């Protein structure tokens, strides 16, 4: 229920902000229009059976509204792959076969960007994470390999640089909450990444 309420809160915020955004002209530094982006980096899980990481990445796209001369709001959707992580030996020794985790899923959320100058910006983002994963349950004595689907949340922040008016690069941190309490599996993942964005 809490996850559903969080997703609804983000959607409501977007609906409230959109009319005001449409009434604003793009400012000197704020960006407005369609955009696509991609991330690549390291996804880390530190929970229960897992304390490791793997190569991870994401793609996204959306539309950004200029709210004032420095601030813009993006409404975006995307897809993230958070890698495969090996279980710790304390857990894997009690399981035959595959003990790796796997996590991926779709995202839908908002991105708030503030331009410090024509070149530099910072941003925060968050929304719903529709997770699809598999891994070991959080049980030291009898862990089981299970699959799950859940709706949780993601949140993150980044600092970027506009290489040209259309291209930018950034350093990012994002957190993806992924769990299924009924199945006793928890795969919260930290993603440290670099990204590139193209604006139309």
N, C-alpha and C. Protein backbone atom coordinates (compact mmCIF):
# COMPACT_ATOMS: atom_id res chain seq x y z
N UNK A 1 0.82 -1.20 0.00
CA UNK A 1 0.00 0.00 0.00
C UNK A 1 0.86 1.26 0.00
N UNK A 2 1.95 1.26 0.84
CA UNK A 2 2.80 2.44 0.91
C UNK A 2 3.46 2.71 -0.44
N UNK A 3 3.86 1.63 -1.13
CA UNK A 3 4.49 1.80 -2.44
C UNK A 3 3.51 2.39 -3.44
N UNK A 4 2.27 1.92 -3.39
CA UNK A 4 1.25 2.44 -4.29
C UNK A 4 0.99 3.91 -4.02
N UNK A 5 0.92 4.28 -2.73
CA UNK A 5 0.69 5.68 -2.37
C UNK A 5 1.84 6.56 -2.83
N UNK A 6 3.09 6.04 -2.74
CA UNK A 6 4.24 6.81 -3.20
C UNK A 6 4.15 7.06 -4.70
N UNK A 7 3.82 6.03 -5.46
CA UNK A 7 3.69 6.18 -6.90
C UNK A 7 2.59 7.19 -7.26
N UNK A 8 1.47 7.12 -6.53
CA UNK A 8 0.38 8.06 -6.78
C UNK A 8 0.77 9.49 -6.42
N UNK A 9 1.58 9.65 -5.37
CA UNK A 9 2.03 10.98 -4.98
C UNK A 9 2.89 11.61 -6.06
N UNK A 10 3.79 10.82 -6.65
CA UNK A 10 4.62 11.33 -7.74
C UNK A 10 3.77 11.69 -8.95
N UNK A 11 2.81 10.85 -9.27
CA UNK A 11 1.95 11.13 -10.42
C UNK A 11 1.14 12.41 -10.18
N UNK A 12 0.63 12.56 -8.96
CA UNK A 12 -0.14 13.76 -8.64
C UNK A 12 0.71 15.01 -8.72
N UNK A 13 1.95 14.92 -8.25
CA UNK A 13 2.86 16.06 -8.32
C UNK A 13 3.09 16.47 -9.77
N UNK A 14 3.22 15.47 -10.64
CA UNK A 14 3.40 15.78 -12.06
C UNK A 14 2.20 16.48 -12.65
N UNK A 15 1.00 16.04 -12.28
CA UNK A 15 -0.21 16.65 -12.81
C UNK A 15 -0.39 18.08 -12.31
N UNK A 16 0.01 18.32 -11.06
CA UNK A 16 -0.10 19.66 -10.51
C UNK A 16 0.90 20.60 -11.16
N UNK A 17 2.11 20.09 -11.41
CA UNK A 17 3.18 20.94 -11.94
C UNK A 17 3.00 21.22 -13.43
N UNK A 18 2.38 20.31 -14.16
CA UNK A 18 2.32 20.43 -15.61
C UNK A 18 1.65 21.71 -16.10
N UNK A 19 0.47 22.12 -15.58
CA UNK A 19 -0.14 23.34 -16.09
C UNK A 19 0.73 24.57 -15.89
N UNK A 20 1.38 24.66 -14.74
CA UNK A 20 2.27 25.80 -14.49
C UNK A 20 3.45 25.76 -15.44
N UNK A 21 3.94 24.56 -15.70
CA UNK A 21 5.09 24.43 -16.59
C UNK A 21 4.74 24.86 -18.01
N UNK A 22 3.55 24.49 -18.46
CA UNK A 22 3.16 24.87 -19.82
C UNK A 22 3.05 26.37 -19.99
N UNK A 23 2.77 27.08 -18.91
CA UNK A 23 2.59 28.52 -19.01
C UNK A 23 3.91 29.28 -18.99
N UNK A 24 5.03 28.55 -18.75
CA UNK A 24 6.33 29.20 -18.67
C UNK A 24 7.08 29.04 -19.99
N UNK A 25 7.80 30.06 -20.37
CA UNK A 25 8.71 29.94 -21.48
C UNK A 25 10.04 29.40 -20.96
N UNK A 26 10.76 28.68 -21.81
CA UNK A 26 12.06 28.17 -21.41
C UNK A 26 12.98 29.33 -21.05
N UNK A 27 13.66 29.21 -19.89
CA UNK A 27 14.54 30.28 -19.44
C UNK A 27 15.91 30.17 -20.07
N UNK A 28 16.81 31.01 -19.59
CA UNK A 28 18.15 31.06 -20.14
C UNK A 28 18.88 29.73 -19.97
N UNK A 29 18.77 29.12 -18.77
CA UNK A 29 19.49 27.88 -18.50
C UNK A 29 18.58 26.66 -18.40
N UNK A 30 17.34 26.84 -18.01
CA UNK A 30 16.42 25.71 -17.87
C UNK A 30 16.18 25.06 -19.23
N UNK A 31 15.97 23.75 -19.21
CA UNK A 31 15.78 23.00 -20.45
C UNK A 31 14.32 22.60 -20.60
N UNK A 32 13.87 22.55 -21.83
CA UNK A 32 12.50 22.12 -22.12
C UNK A 32 12.49 21.33 -23.41
N UNK A 33 11.75 20.22 -23.42
CA UNK A 33 11.63 19.40 -24.62
C UNK A 33 11.88 17.93 -24.33
N UNK A 34 11.85 17.13 -25.39
CA UNK A 34 12.05 15.69 -25.29
C UNK A 34 13.52 15.36 -25.06
N UNK A 35 13.77 14.26 -24.36
CA UNK A 35 15.14 13.82 -24.13
C UNK A 35 15.21 12.30 -23.96
N UNK A 36 16.38 11.75 -24.24
CA UNK A 36 16.67 10.34 -23.99
C UNK A 36 18.03 10.27 -23.30
N UNK A 37 18.24 9.22 -22.51
CA UNK A 37 19.50 9.10 -21.79
C UNK A 37 19.83 7.64 -21.52
N UNK A 38 21.10 7.41 -21.16
CA UNK A 38 21.56 6.06 -20.82
C UNK A 38 22.60 6.16 -19.71
N UNK A 39 22.58 5.19 -18.82
CA UNK A 39 23.53 5.09 -17.71
C UNK A 39 24.32 3.80 -17.82
N UNK A 40 25.55 3.80 -17.31
CA UNK A 40 26.34 2.58 -17.17
C UNK A 40 27.16 2.72 -15.90
N UNK A 41 27.24 1.63 -15.13
CA UNK A 41 28.00 1.72 -13.90
C UNK A 41 28.01 0.43 -13.11
N UNK A 42 27.95 0.57 -11.78
CA UNK A 42 28.11 -0.54 -10.86
C UNK A 42 26.90 -0.62 -9.94
N UNK A 43 26.23 -1.77 -9.95
CA UNK A 43 25.09 -2.00 -9.07
C UNK A 43 25.50 -2.85 -7.89
N UNK A 44 25.22 -2.40 -6.67
CA UNK A 44 25.68 -3.07 -5.46
C UNK A 44 24.51 -3.45 -4.56
N UNK A 45 24.51 -4.71 -4.10
CA UNK A 45 23.51 -5.20 -3.16
C UNK A 45 24.22 -5.56 -1.86
N UNK A 46 23.73 -5.02 -0.74
CA UNK A 46 24.30 -5.33 0.57
C UNK A 46 23.15 -5.65 1.53
N UNK A 47 22.62 -6.85 1.38
CA UNK A 47 21.47 -7.23 2.19
C UNK A 47 21.37 -8.74 2.25
N UNK A 48 21.21 -9.29 3.45
CA UNK A 48 20.99 -10.72 3.61
C UNK A 48 22.06 -11.56 2.95
N UNK A 49 21.69 -12.40 1.98
CA UNK A 49 22.65 -13.31 1.35
C UNK A 49 23.68 -12.60 0.47
N UNK A 50 23.48 -11.32 0.17
CA UNK A 50 24.30 -10.66 -0.84
C UNK A 50 25.09 -9.48 -0.29
N UNK A 51 26.35 -9.43 -0.70
CA UNK A 51 27.23 -8.31 -0.35
C UNK A 51 28.26 -8.19 -1.47
N UNK A 52 27.80 -7.78 -2.64
CA UNK A 52 28.64 -7.74 -3.82
C UNK A 52 27.97 -6.85 -4.87
N UNK A 53 28.57 -6.78 -6.05
CA UNK A 53 28.01 -5.95 -7.11
C UNK A 53 28.32 -6.49 -8.48
N UNK A 54 27.80 -5.80 -9.49
CA UNK A 54 27.97 -6.23 -10.87
C UNK A 54 27.77 -5.03 -11.79
N UNK A 55 28.13 -5.19 -13.04
CA UNK A 55 27.89 -4.16 -14.05
C UNK A 55 26.40 -3.95 -14.20
N UNK A 56 25.98 -2.69 -14.27
CA UNK A 56 24.56 -2.36 -14.37
C UNK A 56 24.37 -1.17 -15.31
N UNK A 57 23.15 -0.97 -15.74
CA UNK A 57 22.88 0.16 -16.63
C UNK A 57 21.40 0.42 -16.79
N UNK A 58 21.09 1.53 -17.44
CA UNK A 58 19.69 1.92 -17.61
C UNK A 58 19.53 2.79 -18.85
N UNK A 59 18.31 2.83 -19.36
CA UNK A 59 17.94 3.75 -20.43
C UNK A 59 16.64 4.43 -20.00
N UNK A 60 16.45 5.66 -20.47
CA UNK A 60 15.23 6.38 -20.12
C UNK A 60 14.92 7.42 -21.18
N UNK A 61 13.71 7.93 -21.12
CA UNK A 61 13.29 9.00 -22.01
C UNK A 61 12.12 9.73 -21.40
N UNK A 62 11.95 10.99 -21.82
CA UNK A 62 10.83 11.75 -21.28
C UNK A 62 10.74 13.14 -21.85
N UNK A 63 9.95 13.96 -21.19
CA UNK A 63 9.77 15.35 -21.60
C UNK A 63 10.03 16.24 -20.41
N UNK A 64 10.80 17.29 -20.63
CA UNK A 64 11.18 18.22 -19.57
C UNK A 64 10.51 19.56 -19.79
N UNK A 65 9.92 20.11 -18.70
CA UNK A 65 9.25 21.41 -18.72
C UNK A 65 10.11 22.43 -17.98
N UNK A 66 10.26 23.63 -18.54
CA UNK A 66 10.95 24.71 -17.85
C UNK A 66 9.99 25.35 -16.86
N UNK A 67 10.34 25.35 -15.57
CA UNK A 67 9.49 25.95 -14.54
C UNK A 67 9.85 27.41 -14.30
N UNK A 68 11.12 27.73 -14.41
CA UNK A 68 11.61 29.10 -14.27
C UNK A 68 12.96 29.16 -14.99
N UNK A 69 13.67 30.27 -14.99
CA UNK A 69 14.92 30.36 -15.77
C UNK A 69 16.00 29.36 -15.39
N UNK A 70 15.94 28.78 -14.18
CA UNK A 70 16.98 27.84 -13.77
C UNK A 70 16.48 26.41 -13.55
N UNK A 71 15.18 26.21 -13.40
CA UNK A 71 14.65 24.92 -12.94
C UNK A 71 13.75 24.29 -14.00
N UNK A 72 13.89 22.98 -14.15
CA UNK A 72 13.02 22.25 -15.07
C UNK A 72 12.58 20.94 -14.42
N UNK A 73 11.43 20.44 -14.86
CA UNK A 73 10.86 19.20 -14.34
C UNK A 73 10.65 18.23 -15.48
N UNK A 74 11.23 17.05 -15.36
CA UNK A 74 11.07 16.02 -16.37
C UNK A 74 10.12 14.93 -15.91
N UNK A 75 9.28 14.47 -16.82
CA UNK A 75 8.42 13.31 -16.60
C UNK A 75 8.97 12.21 -17.48
N UNK A 76 9.40 11.09 -16.88
CA UNK A 76 10.17 10.11 -17.65
C UNK A 76 9.80 8.67 -17.32
N UNK A 77 10.11 7.80 -18.28
CA UNK A 77 10.00 6.35 -18.10
C UNK A 77 11.31 5.73 -18.53
N UNK A 78 11.59 4.54 -18.02
CA UNK A 78 12.85 3.91 -18.37
C UNK A 78 12.87 2.43 -18.05
N UNK A 79 14.04 1.86 -18.25
CA UNK A 79 14.27 0.44 -17.94
C UNK A 79 15.67 0.31 -17.38
N UNK A 80 15.82 -0.47 -16.30
CA UNK A 80 17.11 -0.61 -15.64
C UNK A 80 17.45 -2.08 -15.47
N UNK A 81 18.72 -2.40 -15.70
CA UNK A 81 19.26 -3.74 -15.45
C UNK A 81 20.32 -3.59 -14.37
N UNK A 82 20.13 -4.27 -13.24
CA UNK A 82 20.99 -4.08 -12.08
C UNK A 82 21.93 -5.25 -11.81
N UNK A 83 22.10 -6.13 -12.80
CA UNK A 83 23.14 -7.14 -12.74
C UNK A 83 22.80 -8.40 -11.98
N UNK A 84 23.83 -9.26 -11.90
CA UNK A 84 23.76 -10.53 -11.16
C UNK A 84 24.82 -10.50 -10.07
N UNK A 85 24.42 -10.85 -8.86
CA UNK A 85 25.32 -10.79 -7.72
C UNK A 85 25.42 -12.17 -7.08
N UNK A 86 26.65 -12.61 -6.79
CA UNK A 86 26.87 -13.89 -6.13
C UNK A 86 26.54 -13.82 -4.65
N UNK A 87 25.91 -14.87 -4.15
CA UNK A 87 25.58 -14.94 -2.73
C UNK A 87 26.82 -15.21 -1.89
N UNK A 88 26.78 -14.76 -0.64
CA UNK A 88 27.86 -15.04 0.29
C UNK A 88 27.89 -16.53 0.62
N UNK A 89 29.07 -17.04 0.92
CA UNK A 89 29.24 -18.48 1.13
C UNK A 89 28.40 -18.99 2.30
N UNK A 90 28.14 -18.15 3.30
CA UNK A 90 27.32 -18.55 4.43
C UNK A 90 25.94 -19.04 3.99
N UNK A 91 25.43 -18.43 2.91
CA UNK A 91 24.13 -18.81 2.38
C UNK A 91 24.25 -19.85 1.27
N UNK A 92 25.20 -19.66 0.36
CA UNK A 92 25.27 -20.52 -0.82
C UNK A 92 25.66 -21.96 -0.49
N UNK A 93 26.36 -22.18 0.62
CA UNK A 93 26.76 -23.55 0.96
C UNK A 93 25.57 -24.43 1.31
N UNK A 94 24.44 -23.80 1.61
CA UNK A 94 23.23 -24.57 1.94
C UNK A 94 22.28 -24.73 0.77
N UNK A 95 22.70 -24.30 -0.41
CA UNK A 95 21.83 -24.33 -1.58
C UNK A 95 22.55 -25.05 -2.72
N UNK A 96 21.86 -25.93 -3.37
CA UNK A 96 22.41 -26.56 -4.56
C UNK A 96 21.98 -25.79 -5.80
N UNK A 97 22.90 -25.60 -6.74
CA UNK A 97 22.56 -24.91 -7.97
C UNK A 97 22.80 -23.42 -7.91
N UNK A 98 22.04 -22.66 -8.68
CA UNK A 98 22.25 -21.23 -8.84
C UNK A 98 21.94 -20.46 -7.55
N UNK A 99 22.85 -19.57 -7.15
CA UNK A 99 22.63 -18.74 -5.97
C UNK A 99 22.74 -17.25 -6.29
N UNK A 100 22.88 -16.92 -7.56
CA UNK A 100 22.99 -15.52 -7.95
C UNK A 100 21.66 -14.79 -7.88
N UNK A 101 21.74 -13.51 -7.60
CA UNK A 101 20.56 -12.66 -7.72
C UNK A 101 20.50 -12.09 -9.13
N UNK A 102 19.33 -11.62 -9.52
CA UNK A 102 19.16 -10.91 -10.78
C UNK A 102 18.04 -9.92 -10.59
N UNK A 103 18.27 -8.68 -11.03
CA UNK A 103 17.25 -7.65 -10.83
C UNK A 103 17.19 -6.72 -12.03
N UNK A 104 15.98 -6.45 -12.48
CA UNK A 104 15.74 -5.53 -13.58
C UNK A 104 14.32 -5.01 -13.46
N UNK A 105 13.96 -4.04 -14.28
CA UNK A 105 12.59 -3.58 -14.24
C UNK A 105 12.38 -2.23 -14.88
N UNK A 106 11.13 -1.85 -15.01
CA UNK A 106 10.74 -0.57 -15.61
C UNK A 106 10.60 0.49 -14.52
N UNK A 107 10.80 1.74 -14.91
CA UNK A 107 10.65 2.87 -13.99
C UNK A 107 9.72 3.93 -14.59
N UNK A 108 9.07 4.67 -13.72
CA UNK A 108 8.24 5.81 -14.13
C UNK A 108 8.32 6.84 -13.02
N UNK A 109 8.78 8.05 -13.36
CA UNK A 109 8.93 9.03 -12.30
C UNK A 109 9.18 10.43 -12.80
N UNK A 110 9.71 11.26 -11.89
CA UNK A 110 9.97 12.67 -12.14
C UNK A 110 11.45 12.98 -11.94
N UNK A 111 11.93 13.98 -12.66
CA UNK A 111 13.32 14.41 -12.57
C UNK A 111 13.32 15.94 -12.44
N UNK A 112 13.82 16.45 -11.31
CA UNK A 112 13.87 17.89 -11.07
C UNK A 112 15.32 18.36 -11.25
N UNK A 113 15.53 19.26 -12.20
CA UNK A 113 16.88 19.71 -12.57
C UNK A 113 17.03 21.20 -12.30
N UNK A 114 18.16 21.56 -11.66
CA UNK A 114 18.47 22.96 -11.40
C UNK A 114 19.79 23.30 -12.09
N UNK A 115 19.77 24.33 -12.93
CA UNK A 115 20.96 24.75 -13.66
C UNK A 115 21.72 25.82 -12.87
N UNK A 116 22.92 25.48 -12.42
CA UNK A 116 23.76 26.45 -11.70
C UNK A 116 24.34 27.49 -12.64
N UNK A 117 24.52 27.08 -13.90
CA UNK A 117 25.08 27.95 -14.93
C UNK A 117 24.66 27.36 -16.27
N UNK A 118 25.01 27.98 -17.39
CA UNK A 118 24.68 27.36 -18.68
C UNK A 118 25.31 25.98 -18.86
N UNK A 119 26.38 25.68 -18.14
CA UNK A 119 27.08 24.41 -18.32
C UNK A 119 26.77 23.38 -17.24
N UNK A 120 26.67 23.80 -15.98
CA UNK A 120 26.55 22.86 -14.86
C UNK A 120 25.14 22.79 -14.30
N UNK A 121 24.73 21.59 -13.89
CA UNK A 121 23.42 21.40 -13.29
C UNK A 121 23.46 20.29 -12.24
N UNK A 122 22.49 20.31 -11.35
CA UNK A 122 22.26 19.23 -10.41
C UNK A 122 20.82 18.77 -10.55
N UNK A 123 20.55 17.53 -10.18
CA UNK A 123 19.19 17.03 -10.29
C UNK A 123 18.90 15.99 -9.23
N UNK A 124 17.62 15.87 -8.89
CA UNK A 124 17.11 14.80 -8.04
C UNK A 124 15.96 14.14 -8.79
N UNK A 125 15.74 12.87 -8.51
CA UNK A 125 14.71 12.14 -9.25
C UNK A 125 14.15 11.02 -8.37
N UNK A 126 12.99 10.54 -8.76
CA UNK A 126 12.39 9.43 -8.03
C UNK A 126 11.07 9.03 -8.65
N UNK A 127 10.58 7.86 -8.25
CA UNK A 127 9.32 7.39 -8.79
C UNK A 127 9.11 5.92 -8.48
N UNK A 128 8.32 5.27 -9.30
CA UNK A 128 7.95 3.87 -9.10
C UNK A 128 8.93 2.96 -9.85
N UNK A 129 9.29 1.86 -9.20
CA UNK A 129 10.16 0.85 -9.78
C UNK A 129 9.39 -0.46 -9.84
N UNK A 130 9.10 -0.91 -11.05
CA UNK A 130 8.36 -2.15 -11.26
C UNK A 130 9.37 -3.28 -11.42
N UNK A 131 9.77 -3.86 -10.29
CA UNK A 131 10.90 -4.78 -10.25
C UNK A 131 10.53 -6.19 -10.67
N UNK A 132 11.48 -6.82 -11.36
CA UNK A 132 11.40 -8.24 -11.69
C UNK A 132 12.73 -8.85 -11.29
N UNK A 133 12.70 -9.76 -10.32
CA UNK A 133 13.98 -10.26 -9.80
C UNK A 133 13.93 -11.70 -9.39
N UNK A 134 15.11 -12.18 -9.01
CA UNK A 134 15.23 -13.52 -8.45
C UNK A 134 16.46 -13.55 -7.56
N UNK A 135 16.46 -14.46 -6.60
CA UNK A 135 17.59 -14.59 -5.70
C UNK A 135 17.23 -15.45 -4.51
N UNK A 136 18.16 -15.50 -3.54
CA UNK A 136 17.96 -16.31 -2.34
C UNK A 136 17.14 -15.56 -1.30
N UNK A 137 16.31 -16.30 -0.60
CA UNK A 137 15.58 -15.73 0.51
C UNK A 137 16.53 -15.41 1.66
N UNK A 138 16.11 -14.53 2.54
CA UNK A 138 16.93 -14.07 3.65
C UNK A 138 16.81 -15.03 4.84
N UNK A 139 17.31 -16.23 4.65
CA UNK A 139 17.24 -17.29 5.67
C UNK A 139 18.57 -18.03 5.68
N UNK A 140 19.37 -17.82 6.71
CA UNK A 140 20.71 -18.40 6.75
C UNK A 140 20.72 -19.92 6.76
N UNK A 141 19.70 -20.53 7.35
CA UNK A 141 19.72 -21.98 7.55
C UNK A 141 19.02 -22.75 6.45
N UNK A 142 18.07 -22.10 5.78
CA UNK A 142 17.37 -22.81 4.70
C UNK A 142 16.97 -21.84 3.59
N UNK A 143 17.95 -21.19 2.96
CA UNK A 143 17.61 -20.23 1.89
C UNK A 143 17.08 -20.95 0.66
N UNK A 144 16.14 -20.27 -0.02
CA UNK A 144 15.54 -20.82 -1.23
C UNK A 144 15.71 -19.82 -2.37
N UNK A 145 15.92 -20.33 -3.57
CA UNK A 145 15.99 -19.48 -4.75
C UNK A 145 14.57 -19.22 -5.23
N UNK A 146 14.16 -17.94 -5.26
CA UNK A 146 12.80 -17.60 -5.66
C UNK A 146 12.81 -16.47 -6.68
N UNK A 147 11.72 -16.35 -7.41
CA UNK A 147 11.50 -15.24 -8.33
C UNK A 147 10.36 -14.38 -7.80
N UNK A 148 10.40 -13.09 -8.14
CA UNK A 148 9.35 -12.21 -7.65
C UNK A 148 9.15 -11.04 -8.59
N UNK A 149 7.97 -10.45 -8.50
CA UNK A 149 7.63 -9.19 -9.17
C UNK A 149 7.02 -8.28 -8.10
N UNK A 150 7.45 -7.03 -8.08
CA UNK A 150 6.92 -6.12 -7.06
C UNK A 150 6.98 -4.69 -7.57
N UNK A 151 6.14 -3.84 -6.98
CA UNK A 151 6.18 -2.41 -7.26
C UNK A 151 6.74 -1.71 -6.03
N UNK A 152 7.90 -1.09 -6.19
CA UNK A 152 8.55 -0.38 -5.11
C UNK A 152 8.89 1.03 -5.57
N UNK A 153 10.03 1.54 -5.21
CA UNK A 153 10.38 2.91 -5.58
C UNK A 153 11.87 3.01 -5.91
N UNK A 154 12.22 4.08 -6.58
CA UNK A 154 13.63 4.42 -6.78
C UNK A 154 13.79 5.90 -6.49
N UNK A 155 15.01 6.30 -6.16
CA UNK A 155 15.33 7.70 -5.91
C UNK A 155 16.81 7.91 -6.19
N UNK A 156 17.17 9.12 -6.62
CA UNK A 156 18.57 9.36 -6.93
C UNK A 156 18.90 10.82 -7.10
N UNK A 157 20.17 11.08 -7.35
CA UNK A 157 20.65 12.44 -7.56
C UNK A 157 21.86 12.38 -8.47
N UNK A 158 22.18 13.51 -9.09
CA UNK A 158 23.32 13.56 -9.97
C UNK A 158 23.80 14.98 -10.20
N UNK A 159 25.00 15.08 -10.73
CA UNK A 159 25.59 16.36 -11.13
C UNK A 159 26.06 16.21 -12.57
N UNK A 160 25.68 17.16 -13.43
CA UNK A 160 25.99 17.03 -14.84
C UNK A 160 26.60 18.26 -15.47
N UNK A 161 27.09 18.04 -16.69
CA UNK A 161 27.76 19.10 -17.46
C UNK A 161 27.22 19.07 -18.88
N UNK A 162 26.77 20.23 -19.38
CA UNK A 162 26.28 20.34 -20.75
C UNK A 162 27.45 20.53 -21.71
N UNK A 163 27.77 19.48 -22.44
CA UNK A 163 28.88 19.54 -23.40
C UNK A 163 28.51 20.45 -24.57
N UNK A 164 27.26 20.33 -25.03
CA UNK A 164 26.69 21.19 -26.06
C UNK A 164 25.25 21.51 -25.63
N UNK A 165 24.52 22.36 -26.34
CA UNK A 165 23.12 22.59 -25.98
C UNK A 165 22.25 21.33 -26.02
N UNK A 166 22.68 20.30 -26.75
CA UNK A 166 21.88 19.08 -26.88
C UNK A 166 22.43 17.89 -26.10
N UNK A 167 23.74 17.88 -25.83
CA UNK A 167 24.38 16.74 -25.16
C UNK A 167 24.86 17.12 -23.77
N UNK A 168 24.68 16.17 -22.82
CA UNK A 168 25.25 16.37 -21.48
C UNK A 168 25.74 15.03 -20.93
N UNK A 169 26.65 15.11 -19.96
CA UNK A 169 27.15 13.94 -19.25
C UNK A 169 27.00 14.21 -17.76
N UNK A 170 26.91 13.12 -16.96
CA UNK A 170 26.67 13.30 -15.52
C UNK A 170 27.22 12.13 -14.72
N UNK A 171 27.45 12.40 -13.43
CA UNK A 171 27.75 11.38 -12.43
C UNK A 171 26.52 11.22 -11.56
N UNK A 172 26.14 9.97 -11.25
CA UNK A 172 24.87 9.72 -10.60
C UNK A 172 24.95 8.68 -9.49
N UNK A 173 24.04 8.84 -8.53
CA UNK A 173 23.78 7.79 -7.54
C UNK A 173 22.27 7.56 -7.52
N UNK A 174 21.87 6.28 -7.60
CA UNK A 174 20.46 5.93 -7.54
C UNK A 174 20.27 4.72 -6.63
N UNK A 175 19.13 4.71 -5.94
CA UNK A 175 18.78 3.62 -5.05
C UNK A 175 17.48 2.99 -5.56
N UNK A 176 17.50 1.67 -5.73
CA UNK A 176 16.33 0.93 -6.20
C UNK A 176 15.90 -0.04 -5.11
N UNK A 177 14.70 0.20 -4.57
CA UNK A 177 14.15 -0.68 -3.55
C UNK A 177 13.40 -1.81 -4.23
N UNK A 178 13.84 -3.04 -3.97
CA UNK A 178 13.21 -4.21 -4.59
C UNK A 178 13.11 -5.30 -3.54
N UNK A 179 11.88 -5.68 -3.22
CA UNK A 179 11.69 -6.73 -2.22
C UNK A 179 10.30 -7.33 -2.36
N UNK A 180 10.16 -8.51 -1.79
CA UNK A 180 8.87 -9.17 -1.67
C UNK A 180 8.82 -9.78 -0.27
N UNK A 181 8.15 -9.10 0.63
CA UNK A 181 8.12 -9.55 2.03
C UNK A 181 7.47 -10.92 2.17
N UNK A 182 6.48 -11.21 1.35
CA UNK A 182 5.80 -12.50 1.44
C UNK A 182 6.75 -13.66 1.11
N UNK A 183 7.70 -13.40 0.22
CA UNK A 183 8.67 -14.43 -0.16
C UNK A 183 10.00 -14.29 0.58
N UNK A 184 10.10 -13.27 1.45
CA UNK A 184 11.30 -13.04 2.27
C UNK A 184 12.55 -12.84 1.40
N UNK A 185 12.39 -12.05 0.34
CA UNK A 185 13.54 -11.73 -0.49
C UNK A 185 13.67 -10.21 -0.58
N UNK A 186 14.92 -9.73 -0.43
CA UNK A 186 15.18 -8.29 -0.40
C UNK A 186 16.44 -8.01 -1.21
N UNK A 187 16.30 -7.23 -2.27
CA UNK A 187 17.43 -6.90 -3.13
C UNK A 187 17.55 -5.39 -3.33
N UNK A 188 17.63 -4.59 -2.26
CA UNK A 188 17.84 -3.15 -2.45
C UNK A 188 19.19 -2.91 -3.10
N UNK A 189 19.22 -2.09 -4.13
CA UNK A 189 20.43 -1.94 -4.94
C UNK A 189 20.85 -0.48 -5.07
N UNK A 190 22.13 -0.24 -4.84
CA UNK A 190 22.74 1.06 -5.08
C UNK A 190 23.38 1.05 -6.45
N UNK A 191 23.08 2.04 -7.27
CA UNK A 191 23.67 2.14 -8.60
C UNK A 191 24.52 3.41 -8.68
N UNK A 192 25.83 3.22 -8.92
CA UNK A 192 26.76 4.32 -9.13
C UNK A 192 27.09 4.33 -10.62
N UNK A 193 26.81 5.45 -11.30
CA UNK A 193 26.92 5.40 -12.76
C UNK A 193 27.35 6.73 -13.37
N UNK A 194 27.78 6.64 -14.61
CA UNK A 194 27.95 7.81 -15.47
C UNK A 194 26.85 7.74 -16.50
N UNK A 195 26.42 8.89 -16.98
CA UNK A 195 25.31 8.90 -17.94
C UNK A 195 25.56 9.92 -19.04
N UNK A 196 24.85 9.71 -20.14
CA UNK A 196 24.83 10.67 -21.25
C UNK A 196 23.38 10.93 -21.62
N UNK A 197 23.09 12.16 -21.99
CA UNK A 197 21.73 12.55 -22.35
C UNK A 197 21.74 13.34 -23.64
N UNK A 198 20.74 13.05 -24.48
CA UNK A 198 20.56 13.82 -25.72
C UNK A 198 19.18 14.47 -25.69
N UNK A 199 19.13 15.76 -25.99
CA UNK A 199 17.87 16.53 -25.98
C UNK A 199 17.49 16.91 -27.41
N UNK A 200 16.25 16.71 -27.74
CA UNK A 200 15.77 17.00 -29.10
C UNK A 200 15.38 18.47 -29.24
